[in-house]
Amino acid sequence: MNWQDEGYLLSKSNYSENSIIIEAFTLNHGKTSGIVYGGSSRAKKKIFQIGNKISLNWKAKGENKIGYFTIELIKAISPLFFDNKKKTICIMSASSILKLSLPEEQINKKIYESFEKLLTYLNQDDWIKLYILWELTLIKELGFEYSFLKDKNLLDQSFVEVNGNHLKIPKILTNYKLKNFTRDDIKEALSFNKNLLIENLIEPNRLRFPLSRNILEKYFN
């Protein structure tokens, strides 16, 4: 069995002295994992940076056997932001959330395209707003629906109901065209999305909330 595809590197871990196991989010095969022989070599190390776009050739001896990849670099994305800690953590955070939330080998081109768009526009001044909107889009695409409410006692404030709790929707999420947002607006929106992720994804599946996402939020405290 074998296939070829493009995708983004979500994670990597040591497998043997010279090999690694990677997880990638691919266009036509969803999230998938496999061994890369020689992947820990110094010559190949620059390829395996989280968020890089790669070409994958996957092979396996059978359906129940772990496969292995041969990898080529399509676009080095992470190195573009090595001098910017916030954007580097942003890439790590988005990749970690996809790693946790995506089912194995399930194609979702909308999520793939939204992640690609996020990485493409990460060099813009309003990158954190784009990241916040990306998280909300992901939550919706994963099938977590919620209802919007109006509190009669609070003029013009929208709320969302999540598992019986009413959360105020941040200004950034109620006005997508908002440009003059503050540090507090960012903090409020990140906290709002975090609550949605915890209530719908993390706690029901007994997962650990990504450390990189917590670090990203702390940058705006």
N, C-alpha and C. Protein backbone atom coordinates (compact mmCIF):
# COMPACT_ATOMS: atom_id res chain seq x y z
N MET A 1 0.84 -1.19 0.00
CA MET A 1 0.00 0.00 0.00
C MET A 1 0.88 1.24 0.00
N ASN A 2 0.50 2.22 -0.79
CA ASN A 2 1.25 3.48 -0.77
C ASN A 2 0.38 4.60 -1.34
N TRP A 3 0.71 5.82 -0.94
CA TRP A 3 0.05 7.00 -1.49
C TRP A 3 0.99 8.20 -1.37
N GLN A 4 0.67 9.23 -2.11
CA GLN A 4 1.41 10.48 -2.07
C GLN A 4 0.45 11.62 -1.76
N ASP A 5 0.93 12.61 -1.02
CA ASP A 5 0.06 13.72 -0.64
C ASP A 5 0.92 14.90 -0.18
N GLU A 6 0.26 16.01 0.09
CA GLU A 6 0.91 17.17 0.71
C GLU A 6 0.30 17.38 2.07
N GLY A 7 1.02 18.06 2.95
CA GLY A 7 0.45 18.30 4.27
C GLY A 7 1.35 19.16 5.13
N TYR A 8 0.94 19.30 6.39
CA TYR A 8 1.68 20.13 7.35
C TYR A 8 2.08 19.27 8.55
N LEU A 9 3.30 19.47 9.00
CA LEU A 9 3.81 18.70 10.12
C LEU A 9 3.18 19.19 11.42
N LEU A 10 2.54 18.27 12.16
CA LEU A 10 1.89 18.62 13.42
C LEU A 10 2.73 18.26 14.64
N SER A 11 3.46 17.15 14.55
CA SER A 11 4.27 16.73 15.69
C SER A 11 5.34 15.75 15.23
N LYS A 12 6.32 15.57 16.09
CA LYS A 12 7.38 14.59 15.83
C LYS A 12 7.88 14.07 17.17
N SER A 13 8.35 12.83 17.18
CA SER A 13 8.91 12.24 18.39
C SER A 13 9.97 11.22 17.99
N ASN A 14 10.91 10.98 18.87
CA ASN A 14 11.98 10.03 18.58
C ASN A 14 11.44 8.62 18.52
N TYR A 15 11.96 7.84 17.57
CA TYR A 15 11.56 6.45 17.41
C TYR A 15 12.74 5.51 17.66
N SER A 16 13.86 5.83 17.12
CA SER A 16 15.09 5.08 17.34
C SER A 16 16.24 6.07 17.25
N GLU A 17 17.44 5.56 17.24
CA GLU A 17 18.60 6.45 17.24
C GLU A 17 18.61 7.41 16.06
N ASN A 18 18.14 6.95 14.90
CA ASN A 18 18.19 7.78 13.70
C ASN A 18 16.82 8.10 13.11
N SER A 19 15.76 7.59 13.70
CA SER A 19 14.43 7.71 13.09
C SER A 19 13.45 8.43 14.02
N ILE A 20 12.40 8.97 13.43
CA ILE A 20 11.35 9.66 14.19
C ILE A 20 9.98 9.18 13.73
N ILE A 21 9.00 9.43 14.56
CA ILE A 21 7.60 9.24 14.17
C ILE A 21 6.98 10.63 14.05
N ILE A 22 6.32 10.87 12.93
CA ILE A 22 5.68 12.17 12.73
C ILE A 22 4.17 12.00 12.58
N GLU A 23 3.47 13.09 12.89
CA GLU A 23 2.05 13.21 12.57
C GLU A 23 1.91 14.39 11.62
N ALA A 24 1.16 14.21 10.57
CA ALA A 24 0.95 15.27 9.59
C ALA A 24 -0.53 15.38 9.27
N PHE A 25 -0.96 16.60 8.97
CA PHE A 25 -2.32 16.85 8.53
C PHE A 25 -2.27 17.02 7.02
N THR A 26 -2.79 16.04 6.29
CA THR A 26 -2.68 16.02 4.84
C THR A 26 -3.97 16.44 4.16
N LEU A 27 -3.85 16.87 2.93
CA LEU A 27 -4.99 17.37 2.17
C LEU A 27 -5.99 16.26 1.86
N ASN A 28 -5.51 15.11 1.42
CA ASN A 28 -6.40 14.06 0.91
C ASN A 28 -6.46 12.80 1.77
N HIS A 29 -5.73 12.79 2.90
CA HIS A 29 -5.74 11.61 3.77
C HIS A 29 -5.93 11.97 5.25
N GLY A 30 -6.24 13.25 5.50
CA GLY A 30 -6.48 13.66 6.88
C GLY A 30 -5.22 13.60 7.73
N LYS A 31 -5.43 13.46 9.05
CA LYS A 31 -4.30 13.34 9.96
C LYS A 31 -3.77 11.92 9.92
N THR A 32 -2.47 11.79 9.75
CA THR A 32 -1.87 10.46 9.64
C THR A 32 -0.49 10.47 10.27
N SER A 33 -0.01 9.28 10.61
CA SER A 33 1.29 9.18 11.26
C SER A 33 2.11 8.06 10.64
N GLY A 34 3.41 8.12 10.86
CA GLY A 34 4.29 7.09 10.32
C GLY A 34 5.73 7.35 10.71
N ILE A 35 6.57 6.40 10.39
CA ILE A 35 8.00 6.48 10.71
C ILE A 35 8.75 7.15 9.57
N VAL A 36 9.72 7.96 9.93
CA VAL A 36 10.65 8.53 8.95
C VAL A 36 12.04 8.01 9.31
N TYR A 37 12.55 7.09 8.54
CA TYR A 37 13.88 6.56 8.79
C TYR A 37 14.93 7.62 8.46
N GLY A 38 15.85 7.82 9.38
CA GLY A 38 16.87 8.83 9.19
C GLY A 38 16.39 10.25 9.45
N GLY A 39 15.18 10.38 10.00
CA GLY A 39 14.58 11.70 10.18
C GLY A 39 15.25 12.55 11.25
N SER A 40 16.03 11.92 12.13
CA SER A 40 16.70 12.68 13.18
C SER A 40 18.10 13.11 12.79
N SER A 41 18.49 12.84 11.56
CA SER A 41 19.83 13.23 11.13
C SER A 41 19.94 14.75 11.04
N ARG A 42 21.14 15.26 11.20
CA ARG A 42 21.36 16.69 11.17
C ARG A 42 20.98 17.29 9.81
N ALA A 43 21.19 16.52 8.76
CA ALA A 43 20.90 17.00 7.41
C ALA A 43 19.40 17.21 7.18
N LYS A 44 18.57 16.37 7.84
CA LYS A 44 17.13 16.43 7.63
C LYS A 44 16.39 17.21 8.71
N LYS A 45 17.10 17.59 9.74
CA LYS A 45 16.46 18.22 10.89
C LYS A 45 15.67 19.46 10.53
N LYS A 46 16.19 20.25 9.59
CA LYS A 46 15.51 21.50 9.22
C LYS A 46 14.15 21.26 8.55
N ILE A 47 13.97 20.07 7.97
CA ILE A 47 12.69 19.75 7.33
C ILE A 47 11.59 19.61 8.37
N PHE A 48 11.95 19.01 9.52
CA PHE A 48 10.93 18.59 10.49
C PHE A 48 10.73 19.64 11.58
N GLN A 49 10.35 20.84 11.14
CA GLN A 49 9.94 21.91 12.04
C GLN A 49 8.41 21.99 12.01
N ILE A 50 7.79 22.05 13.19
CA ILE A 50 6.33 22.05 13.28
C ILE A 50 5.75 23.19 12.45
N GLY A 51 4.78 22.85 11.60
CA GLY A 51 4.13 23.84 10.75
C GLY A 51 4.67 23.88 9.33
N ASN A 52 5.81 23.24 9.08
CA ASN A 52 6.35 23.22 7.72
C ASN A 52 5.44 22.44 6.78
N LYS A 53 5.38 22.89 5.54
CA LYS A 53 4.60 22.18 4.53
C LYS A 53 5.50 21.16 3.84
N ILE A 54 5.02 19.93 3.74
CA ILE A 54 5.85 18.84 3.25
C ILE A 54 5.10 17.99 2.22
N SER A 55 5.88 17.32 1.40
CA SER A 55 5.36 16.31 0.48
C SER A 55 5.62 14.95 1.11
N LEU A 56 4.59 14.10 1.14
CA LEU A 56 4.69 12.81 1.82
C LEU A 56 4.46 11.66 0.85
N ASN A 57 5.32 10.68 0.94
CA ASN A 57 5.13 9.41 0.23
C ASN A 57 5.03 8.33 1.29
N TRP A 58 3.84 7.74 1.46
CA TRP A 58 3.57 6.80 2.55
C TRP A 58 3.51 5.37 2.02
N LYS A 59 4.14 4.46 2.73
CA LYS A 59 4.12 3.05 2.35
C LYS A 59 3.90 2.19 3.58
N ALA A 60 3.19 1.08 3.39
CA ALA A 60 2.98 0.11 4.47
C ALA A 60 2.76 -1.26 3.87
N LYS A 61 3.11 -2.30 4.61
CA LYS A 61 2.99 -3.66 4.11
C LYS A 61 1.56 -4.17 4.22
N GLY A 62 0.74 -3.54 5.04
CA GLY A 62 -0.65 -3.96 5.19
C GLY A 62 -1.45 -2.90 5.92
N GLU A 63 -2.78 -3.05 5.94
CA GLU A 63 -3.65 -2.04 6.55
C GLU A 63 -3.39 -1.86 8.03
N ASN A 64 -3.02 -2.94 8.74
CA ASN A 64 -2.83 -2.88 10.18
C ASN A 64 -1.37 -2.68 10.58
N LYS A 65 -0.52 -2.44 9.61
CA LYS A 65 0.89 -2.24 9.88
C LYS A 65 1.20 -0.74 9.89
N ILE A 66 2.12 -0.35 10.79
CA ILE A 66 2.51 1.05 10.81
C ILE A 66 3.28 1.36 9.54
N GLY A 67 2.97 2.51 8.94
CA GLY A 67 3.60 2.88 7.68
C GLY A 67 4.85 3.72 7.91
N TYR A 68 5.52 3.98 6.83
CA TYR A 68 6.68 4.86 6.91
C TYR A 68 6.64 5.86 5.77
N PHE A 69 7.25 7.01 6.01
CA PHE A 69 7.22 8.11 5.06
C PHE A 69 8.60 8.36 4.46
N THR A 70 8.57 8.81 3.23
CA THR A 70 9.71 9.56 2.69
C THR A 70 9.18 10.98 2.48
N ILE A 71 9.96 11.95 2.90
CA ILE A 71 9.49 13.33 3.02
C ILE A 71 10.37 14.27 2.20
N GLU A 72 9.71 15.24 1.57
CA GLU A 72 10.42 16.35 0.95
C GLU A 72 9.79 17.65 1.41
N LEU A 73 10.60 18.65 1.58
CA LEU A 73 10.12 19.96 2.03
C LEU A 73 9.50 20.73 0.87
N ILE A 74 8.27 21.20 1.06
CA ILE A 74 7.62 22.07 0.07
C ILE A 74 7.85 23.53 0.43
N LYS A 75 7.62 23.87 1.70
CA LYS A 75 7.79 25.25 2.13
C LYS A 75 8.17 25.29 3.60
N ALA A 76 9.29 25.93 3.90
CA ALA A 76 9.72 26.11 5.28
C ALA A 76 8.97 27.30 5.87
N ILE A 77 8.02 27.03 6.74
CA ILE A 77 7.18 28.08 7.32
C ILE A 77 7.68 28.51 8.70
N SER A 78 7.94 27.54 9.57
CA SER A 78 8.36 27.87 10.93
C SER A 78 9.61 28.75 10.99
N PRO A 79 10.65 28.48 10.18
CA PRO A 79 11.86 29.32 10.26
C PRO A 79 11.61 30.80 9.96
N LEU A 80 10.54 31.11 9.27
CA LEU A 80 10.23 32.51 8.97
C LEU A 80 9.93 33.31 10.22
N PHE A 81 9.56 32.60 11.31
CA PHE A 81 9.12 33.29 12.52
C PHE A 81 9.96 32.93 13.74
N PHE A 82 11.15 32.38 13.52
CA PHE A 82 12.01 32.00 14.64
C PHE A 82 12.39 33.18 15.53
N ASP A 83 12.37 34.40 14.96
CA ASP A 83 12.72 35.58 15.73
C ASP A 83 11.50 36.24 16.39
N ASN A 84 10.35 35.58 16.30
CA ASN A 84 9.11 36.11 16.88
C ASN A 84 8.48 35.01 17.75
N LYS A 85 8.65 35.13 19.06
CA LYS A 85 8.19 34.08 19.97
C LYS A 85 6.68 33.90 19.93
N LYS A 86 5.95 34.99 19.80
CA LYS A 86 4.49 34.90 19.80
C LYS A 86 3.98 34.12 18.58
N LYS A 87 4.53 34.42 17.42
CA LYS A 87 4.07 33.74 16.21
C LYS A 87 4.54 32.29 16.17
N THR A 88 5.72 32.03 16.72
CA THR A 88 6.20 30.65 16.81
C THR A 88 5.28 29.83 17.71
N ILE A 89 4.90 30.41 18.85
CA ILE A 89 3.97 29.71 19.75
C ILE A 89 2.60 29.57 19.11
N CYS A 90 2.21 30.54 18.30
CA CYS A 90 0.94 30.47 17.59
C CYS A 90 0.90 29.24 16.68
N ILE A 91 1.98 29.00 15.94
CA ILE A 91 2.06 27.82 15.07
C ILE A 91 2.00 26.54 15.91
N MET A 92 2.74 26.52 17.02
CA MET A 92 2.74 25.35 17.89
C MET A 92 1.35 25.10 18.47
N SER A 93 0.68 26.18 18.86
CA SER A 93 -0.66 26.06 19.45
C SER A 93 -1.66 25.49 18.45
N ALA A 94 -1.70 26.07 17.24
CA ALA A 94 -2.64 25.59 16.22
C ALA A 94 -2.36 24.14 15.86
N SER A 95 -1.09 23.79 15.73
CA SER A 95 -0.71 22.41 15.38
C SER A 95 -1.11 21.44 16.49
N SER A 96 -0.91 21.84 17.75
CA SER A 96 -1.27 20.98 18.88
C SER A 96 -2.76 20.76 18.97
N ILE A 97 -3.54 21.81 18.72
CA ILE A 97 -5.00 21.67 18.77
C ILE A 97 -5.49 20.73 17.66
N LEU A 98 -4.90 20.85 16.46
CA LEU A 98 -5.27 19.94 15.37
C LEU A 98 -4.89 18.51 15.71
N LYS A 99 -3.73 18.31 16.31
CA LYS A 99 -3.28 16.98 16.71
C LYS A 99 -4.27 16.34 17.67
N LEU A 100 -4.79 17.15 18.62
CA LEU A 100 -5.73 16.62 19.61
C LEU A 100 -7.12 16.38 19.04
N SER A 101 -7.56 17.27 18.16
CA SER A 101 -8.97 17.29 17.77
C SER A 101 -9.32 16.48 16.53
N LEU A 102 -8.36 16.30 15.63
CA LEU A 102 -8.68 15.64 14.37
C LEU A 102 -8.68 14.12 14.51
N PRO A 103 -9.70 13.45 13.99
CA PRO A 103 -9.68 11.99 13.98
C PRO A 103 -8.68 11.47 12.95
N GLU A 104 -8.19 10.28 13.16
CA GLU A 104 -7.21 9.69 12.25
C GLU A 104 -7.82 9.44 10.87
N GLU A 105 -7.08 9.83 9.84
CA GLU A 105 -7.38 9.48 8.44
C GLU A 105 -8.77 9.93 7.99
N GLN A 106 -9.27 11.02 8.57
CA GLN A 106 -10.55 11.58 8.14
C GLN A 106 -10.29 12.88 7.40
N ILE A 107 -10.68 12.93 6.14
CA ILE A 107 -10.41 14.09 5.30
C ILE A 107 -11.32 15.25 5.71
N ASN A 108 -10.72 16.43 5.85
CA ASN A 108 -11.51 17.64 6.08
C ASN A 108 -10.80 18.78 5.40
N LYS A 109 -11.18 19.04 4.16
CA LYS A 109 -10.48 20.04 3.37
C LYS A 109 -10.76 21.46 3.84
N LYS A 110 -11.93 21.69 4.45
CA LYS A 110 -12.21 23.03 4.97
C LYS A 110 -11.25 23.39 6.10
N ILE A 111 -11.03 22.44 7.01
CA ILE A 111 -10.10 22.68 8.10
C ILE A 111 -8.68 22.82 7.56
N TYR A 112 -8.33 21.99 6.58
CA TYR A 112 -7.00 22.06 5.97
C TYR A 112 -6.78 23.44 5.35
N GLU A 113 -7.75 23.89 4.60
CA GLU A 113 -7.62 25.18 3.91
C GLU A 113 -7.58 26.35 4.90
N SER A 114 -8.33 26.24 6.00
CA SER A 114 -8.32 27.32 7.00
C SER A 114 -6.98 27.37 7.72
N PHE A 115 -6.39 26.21 7.99
CA PHE A 115 -5.07 26.16 8.62
C PHE A 115 -4.01 26.71 7.68
N GLU A 116 -4.10 26.36 6.42
CA GLU A 116 -3.16 26.87 5.42
C GLU A 116 -3.27 28.40 5.30
N LYS A 117 -4.49 28.90 5.34
CA LYS A 117 -4.70 30.35 5.26
C LYS A 117 -4.11 31.05 6.47
N LEU A 118 -4.28 30.45 7.66
CA LEU A 118 -3.72 31.03 8.88
C LEU A 118 -2.21 31.17 8.75
N LEU A 119 -1.54 30.11 8.30
CA LEU A 119 -0.09 30.14 8.17
C LEU A 119 0.35 31.14 7.09
N THR A 120 -0.44 31.26 6.04
CA THR A 120 -0.11 32.17 4.94
C THR A 120 -0.15 33.62 5.39
N TYR A 121 -1.12 33.96 6.25
CA TYR A 121 -1.31 35.36 6.65
C TYR A 121 -0.74 35.66 8.04
N LEU A 122 0.12 34.79 8.53
CA LEU A 122 0.68 34.98 9.85
C LEU A 122 1.62 36.18 9.93
N ASN A 123 2.05 36.67 8.77
CA ASN A 123 2.96 37.83 8.75
C ASN A 123 2.21 39.16 8.81
N GLN A 124 0.87 39.12 8.85
CA GLN A 124 0.10 40.36 8.91
C GLN A 124 0.07 40.94 10.33
N ASP A 125 -0.21 42.22 10.43
CA ASP A 125 -0.24 42.89 11.73
C ASP A 125 -1.34 42.35 12.65
N ASP A 126 -2.47 41.95 12.07
CA ASP A 126 -3.59 41.46 12.88
C ASP A 126 -3.61 39.94 12.96
N TRP A 127 -2.43 39.31 12.97
CA TRP A 127 -2.32 37.85 12.96
C TRP A 127 -3.04 37.19 14.13
N ILE A 128 -3.01 37.84 15.31
CA ILE A 128 -3.64 37.22 16.47
C ILE A 128 -5.16 37.18 16.31
N LYS A 129 -5.72 38.19 15.67
CA LYS A 129 -7.15 38.18 15.38
C LYS A 129 -7.48 37.04 14.41
N LEU A 130 -6.64 36.84 13.40
CA LEU A 130 -6.84 35.75 12.45
C LEU A 130 -6.77 34.40 13.16
N TYR A 131 -5.84 34.30 14.12
CA TYR A 131 -5.73 33.05 14.88
C TYR A 131 -6.99 32.79 15.70
N ILE A 132 -7.49 33.82 16.35
CA ILE A 132 -8.71 33.68 17.16
C ILE A 132 -9.89 33.23 16.31
N LEU A 133 -10.04 33.85 15.13
CA LEU A 133 -11.13 33.48 14.23
C LEU A 133 -10.91 32.07 13.68
N TRP A 134 -9.64 31.69 13.48
CA TRP A 134 -9.35 30.31 13.03
C TRP A 134 -9.80 29.30 14.07
N GLU A 135 -9.53 29.56 15.33
CA GLU A 135 -9.96 28.65 16.39
C GLU A 135 -11.48 28.48 16.38
N LEU A 136 -12.20 29.60 16.25
CA LEU A 136 -13.65 29.53 16.25
C LEU A 136 -14.17 28.75 15.05
N THR A 137 -13.55 28.95 13.88
CA THR A 137 -13.92 28.20 12.68
C THR A 137 -13.69 26.71 12.89
N LEU A 138 -12.56 26.37 13.49
CA LEU A 138 -12.25 24.96 13.76
C LEU A 138 -13.29 24.34 14.68
N ILE A 139 -13.65 25.05 15.74
CA ILE A 139 -14.64 24.54 16.68
C ILE A 139 -15.96 24.25 15.97
N LYS A 140 -16.36 25.14 15.09
CA LYS A 140 -17.61 24.93 14.33
C LYS A 140 -17.48 23.75 13.37
N GLU A 141 -16.35 23.66 12.67
CA GLU A 141 -16.15 22.57 11.71
C GLU A 141 -16.09 21.20 12.39
N LEU A 142 -15.67 21.18 13.64
CA LEU A 142 -15.63 19.93 14.38
C LEU A 142 -17.02 19.49 14.84
N GLY A 143 -18.01 20.36 14.62
CA GLY A 143 -19.40 19.98 14.89
C GLY A 143 -19.93 20.43 16.23
N PHE A 144 -19.21 21.33 16.91
CA PHE A 144 -19.68 21.81 18.21
C PHE A 144 -20.55 23.03 18.01
N GLU A 145 -21.86 22.81 18.07
CA GLU A 145 -22.83 23.88 17.85
C GLU A 145 -23.16 24.56 19.17
N TYR A 146 -23.54 25.81 19.09
CA TYR A 146 -23.96 26.53 20.27
C TYR A 146 -25.00 27.56 19.86
N SER A 147 -25.82 27.94 20.82
CA SER A 147 -26.89 28.89 20.53
C SER A 147 -26.56 30.26 21.10
N PHE A 148 -26.88 31.31 20.35
CA PHE A 148 -26.64 32.68 20.79
C PHE A 148 -27.85 33.19 21.55
N LEU A 149 -27.58 33.91 22.61
CA LEU A 149 -28.64 34.40 23.47
C LEU A 149 -28.54 35.92 23.62
N LYS A 150 -29.61 36.54 24.00
CA LYS A 150 -29.62 37.96 24.34
C LYS A 150 -30.09 38.09 25.80
N ASP A 151 -29.26 38.71 26.63
CA ASP A 151 -29.63 38.94 28.02
C ASP A 151 -30.40 40.25 28.10
N LYS A 152 -31.65 40.19 28.48
CA LYS A 152 -32.50 41.39 28.53
C LYS A 152 -32.01 42.41 29.55
N ASN A 153 -31.28 41.93 30.55
CA ASN A 153 -30.79 42.83 31.59
C ASN A 153 -29.49 43.54 31.20
N LEU A 154 -28.87 43.10 30.11
CA LEU A 154 -27.62 43.69 29.66
C LEU A 154 -27.80 44.14 28.22
N LEU A 155 -27.78 45.43 28.00
CA LEU A 155 -28.10 46.01 26.70
C LEU A 155 -27.06 45.61 25.65
N ASP A 156 -27.55 45.04 24.54
CA ASP A 156 -26.73 44.74 23.36
C ASP A 156 -25.52 43.85 23.65
N GLN A 157 -25.64 42.92 24.57
CA GLN A 157 -24.55 41.98 24.81
C GLN A 157 -25.01 40.58 24.44
N SER A 158 -24.32 39.96 23.51
CA SER A 158 -24.67 38.62 23.08
C SER A 158 -23.94 37.58 23.94
N PHE A 159 -24.61 36.47 24.13
CA PHE A 159 -24.05 35.38 24.92
C PHE A 159 -24.17 34.08 24.14
N VAL A 160 -23.37 33.11 24.52
CA VAL A 160 -23.45 31.79 23.93
C VAL A 160 -23.67 30.79 25.07
N GLU A 161 -24.50 29.81 24.80
CA GLU A 161 -24.76 28.78 25.81
C GLU A 161 -23.89 27.57 25.53
N VAL A 162 -23.08 27.19 26.49
CA VAL A 162 -22.20 26.03 26.35
C VAL A 162 -22.43 25.12 27.56
N ASN A 163 -23.06 23.99 27.29
CA ASN A 163 -23.33 23.00 28.35
C ASN A 163 -23.98 23.64 29.58
N GLY A 164 -24.94 24.52 29.32
CA GLY A 164 -25.70 25.14 30.40
C GLY A 164 -25.09 26.40 30.95
N ASN A 165 -23.87 26.73 30.52
CA ASN A 165 -23.22 27.96 30.97
C ASN A 165 -23.37 29.04 29.91
N HIS A 166 -23.56 30.28 30.37
CA HIS A 166 -23.71 31.41 29.46
C HIS A 166 -22.41 32.22 29.46
N LEU A 167 -21.77 32.29 28.28
CA LEU A 167 -20.51 33.00 28.14
C LEU A 167 -20.71 34.21 27.24
N LYS A 168 -20.21 35.34 27.68
CA LYS A 168 -20.30 36.54 26.86
C LYS A 168 -19.38 36.42 25.66
N ILE A 169 -19.90 36.75 24.48
CA ILE A 169 -19.12 36.67 23.26
C ILE A 169 -18.23 37.90 23.14
N PRO A 170 -16.93 37.72 22.98
CA PRO A 170 -16.00 38.86 22.91
C PRO A 170 -16.25 39.76 21.70
N LYS A 171 -15.82 41.01 21.85
CA LYS A 171 -16.01 42.02 20.81
C LYS A 171 -15.39 41.58 19.47
N ILE A 172 -14.21 40.95 19.53
CA ILE A 172 -13.53 40.52 18.30
C ILE A 172 -14.37 39.53 17.52
N LEU A 173 -15.15 38.72 18.23
CA LEU A 173 -15.95 37.68 17.57
C LEU A 173 -17.34 38.16 17.16
N THR A 174 -17.76 39.29 17.68
CA THR A 174 -19.06 39.82 17.26
C THR A 174 -18.92 40.84 16.14
N ASN A 175 -17.69 41.33 15.95
CA ASN A 175 -17.43 42.30 14.89
C ASN A 175 -16.14 41.92 14.18
N TYR A 176 -16.25 41.08 13.14
CA TYR A 176 -15.08 40.56 12.44
C TYR A 176 -14.26 41.67 11.77
N LYS A 177 -14.88 42.82 11.51
CA LYS A 177 -14.17 43.91 10.84
C LYS A 177 -13.46 44.83 11.82
N LEU A 178 -13.55 44.51 13.11
CA LEU A 178 -12.93 45.34 14.13
C LEU A 178 -11.41 45.42 13.93
N LYS A 179 -10.89 46.62 13.87
CA LYS A 179 -9.45 46.82 13.67
C LYS A 179 -8.77 47.37 14.92
N ASN A 180 -9.43 48.25 15.64
CA ASN A 180 -8.82 48.87 16.81
C ASN A 180 -9.15 48.07 18.07
N PHE A 181 -8.64 46.84 18.13
CA PHE A 181 -8.88 46.01 19.30
C PHE A 181 -7.71 46.14 20.27
N THR A 182 -8.00 45.96 21.54
CA THR A 182 -7.02 46.16 22.59
C THR A 182 -6.45 44.81 23.06
N ARG A 183 -5.45 44.90 23.92
CA ARG A 183 -4.86 43.71 24.53
C ARG A 183 -5.93 42.96 25.34
N ASP A 184 -6.80 43.72 26.02
CA ASP A 184 -7.88 43.09 26.79
C ASP A 184 -8.88 42.38 25.87
N ASP A 185 -9.13 42.95 24.69
CA ASP A 185 -10.03 42.30 23.72
C ASP A 185 -9.45 40.95 23.30
N ILE A 186 -8.14 40.92 23.05
CA ILE A 186 -7.47 39.68 22.64
C ILE A 186 -7.55 38.65 23.76
N LYS A 187 -7.21 39.08 24.97
CA LYS A 187 -7.25 38.18 26.12
C LYS A 187 -8.64 37.59 26.32
N GLU A 188 -9.67 38.45 26.20
CA GLU A 188 -11.05 38.01 26.36
C GLU A 188 -11.44 36.97 25.32
N ALA A 189 -11.03 37.20 24.07
CA ALA A 189 -11.37 36.27 22.98
C ALA A 189 -10.64 34.94 23.12
N LEU A 190 -9.37 34.98 23.50
CA LEU A 190 -8.62 33.74 23.70
C LEU A 190 -9.20 32.92 24.85
N SER A 191 -9.61 33.62 25.90
CA SER A 191 -10.23 32.94 27.04
C SER A 191 -11.57 32.32 26.66
N PHE A 192 -12.34 33.03 25.85
CA PHE A 192 -13.64 32.54 25.37
C PHE A 192 -13.45 31.25 24.56
N ASN A 193 -12.52 31.29 23.60
CA ASN A 193 -12.27 30.10 22.77
C ASN A 193 -11.75 28.94 23.62
N LYS A 194 -10.91 29.26 24.60
CA LYS A 194 -10.38 28.22 25.48
C LYS A 194 -11.51 27.50 26.21
N ASN A 195 -12.49 28.28 26.70
CA ASN A 195 -13.63 27.67 27.37
C ASN A 195 -14.42 26.75 26.44
N LEU A 196 -14.59 27.18 25.18
CA LEU A 196 -15.30 26.33 24.21
C LEU A 196 -14.54 25.04 23.96
N LEU A 197 -13.23 25.14 23.83
CA LEU A 197 -12.41 23.95 23.58
C LEU A 197 -12.43 23.00 24.78
N ILE A 198 -12.33 23.55 25.96
CA ILE A 198 -12.33 22.71 27.16
C ILE A 198 -13.68 22.01 27.34
N GLU A 199 -14.76 22.77 27.18
CA GLU A 199 -16.10 22.21 27.41
C GLU A 199 -16.47 21.16 26.37
N ASN A 200 -16.09 21.38 25.12
CA ASN A 200 -16.54 20.51 24.03
C ASN A 200 -15.55 19.42 23.64
N LEU A 201 -14.26 19.68 23.85
CA LEU A 201 -13.24 18.75 23.35
C LEU A 201 -12.36 18.17 24.46
N ILE A 202 -11.79 19.02 25.26
CA ILE A 202 -10.77 18.58 26.22
C ILE A 202 -11.36 17.72 27.34
N GLU A 203 -12.33 18.26 28.07
CA GLU A 203 -12.88 17.51 29.20
C GLU A 203 -13.65 16.26 28.80
N PRO A 204 -14.53 16.31 27.77
CA PRO A 204 -15.25 15.09 27.40
C PRO A 204 -14.34 13.94 26.98
N ASN A 205 -13.18 14.26 26.41
CA ASN A 205 -12.26 13.23 25.93
C ASN A 205 -11.07 13.02 26.87
N ARG A 206 -11.11 13.69 28.02
CA ARG A 206 -10.06 13.55 29.03
C ARG A 206 -8.68 13.82 28.45
N LEU A 207 -8.59 14.92 27.73
CA LEU A 207 -7.34 15.32 27.10
C LEU A 207 -6.65 16.40 27.93
N ARG A 208 -5.40 16.62 27.67
CA ARG A 208 -4.65 17.68 28.34
C ARG A 208 -4.62 18.90 27.42
N PHE A 209 -4.98 20.04 27.96
CA PHE A 209 -4.99 21.26 27.16
C PHE A 209 -3.56 21.59 26.74
N PRO A 210 -3.35 21.94 25.47
CA PRO A 210 -1.98 22.15 24.97
C PRO A 210 -1.23 23.25 25.72
N LEU A 211 -0.01 22.93 26.14
CA LEU A 211 0.82 23.90 26.84
C LEU A 211 1.09 25.12 25.98
N SER A 212 1.33 24.91 24.69
CA SER A 212 1.63 26.02 23.79
C SER A 212 0.47 27.01 23.71
N ARG A 213 -0.77 26.49 23.81
CA ARG A 213 -1.95 27.39 23.78
C ARG A 213 -2.01 28.22 25.06
N ASN A 214 -1.67 27.63 26.19
CA ASN A 214 -1.63 28.40 27.44
C ASN A 214 -0.56 29.48 27.39
N ILE A 215 0.58 29.16 26.81
CA ILE A 215 1.67 30.13 26.68
C ILE A 215 1.24 31.29 25.80
N LEU A 216 0.56 30.97 24.68
CA LEU A 216 0.08 32.02 23.79
C LEU A 216 -0.83 32.98 24.53
N GLU A 217 -1.73 32.45 25.33
CA GLU A 217 -2.67 33.29 26.07
C GLU A 217 -1.94 34.17 27.08
N LYS A 218 -0.90 33.62 27.72
CA LYS A 218 -0.15 34.36 28.73
C LYS A 218 0.56 35.58 28.13
N TYR A 219 0.91 35.50 26.84
CA TYR A 219 1.56 36.62 26.19
C TYR A 219 0.67 37.87 26.17
N PHE A 220 -0.64 37.67 26.36
CA PHE A 220 -1.58 38.80 26.29
C PHE A 220 -2.23 39.08 27.63
N ASN A 221 -1.69 38.52 28.68
CA ASN A 221 -2.21 38.80 30.03
C ASN A 221 -1.77 40.17 30.51
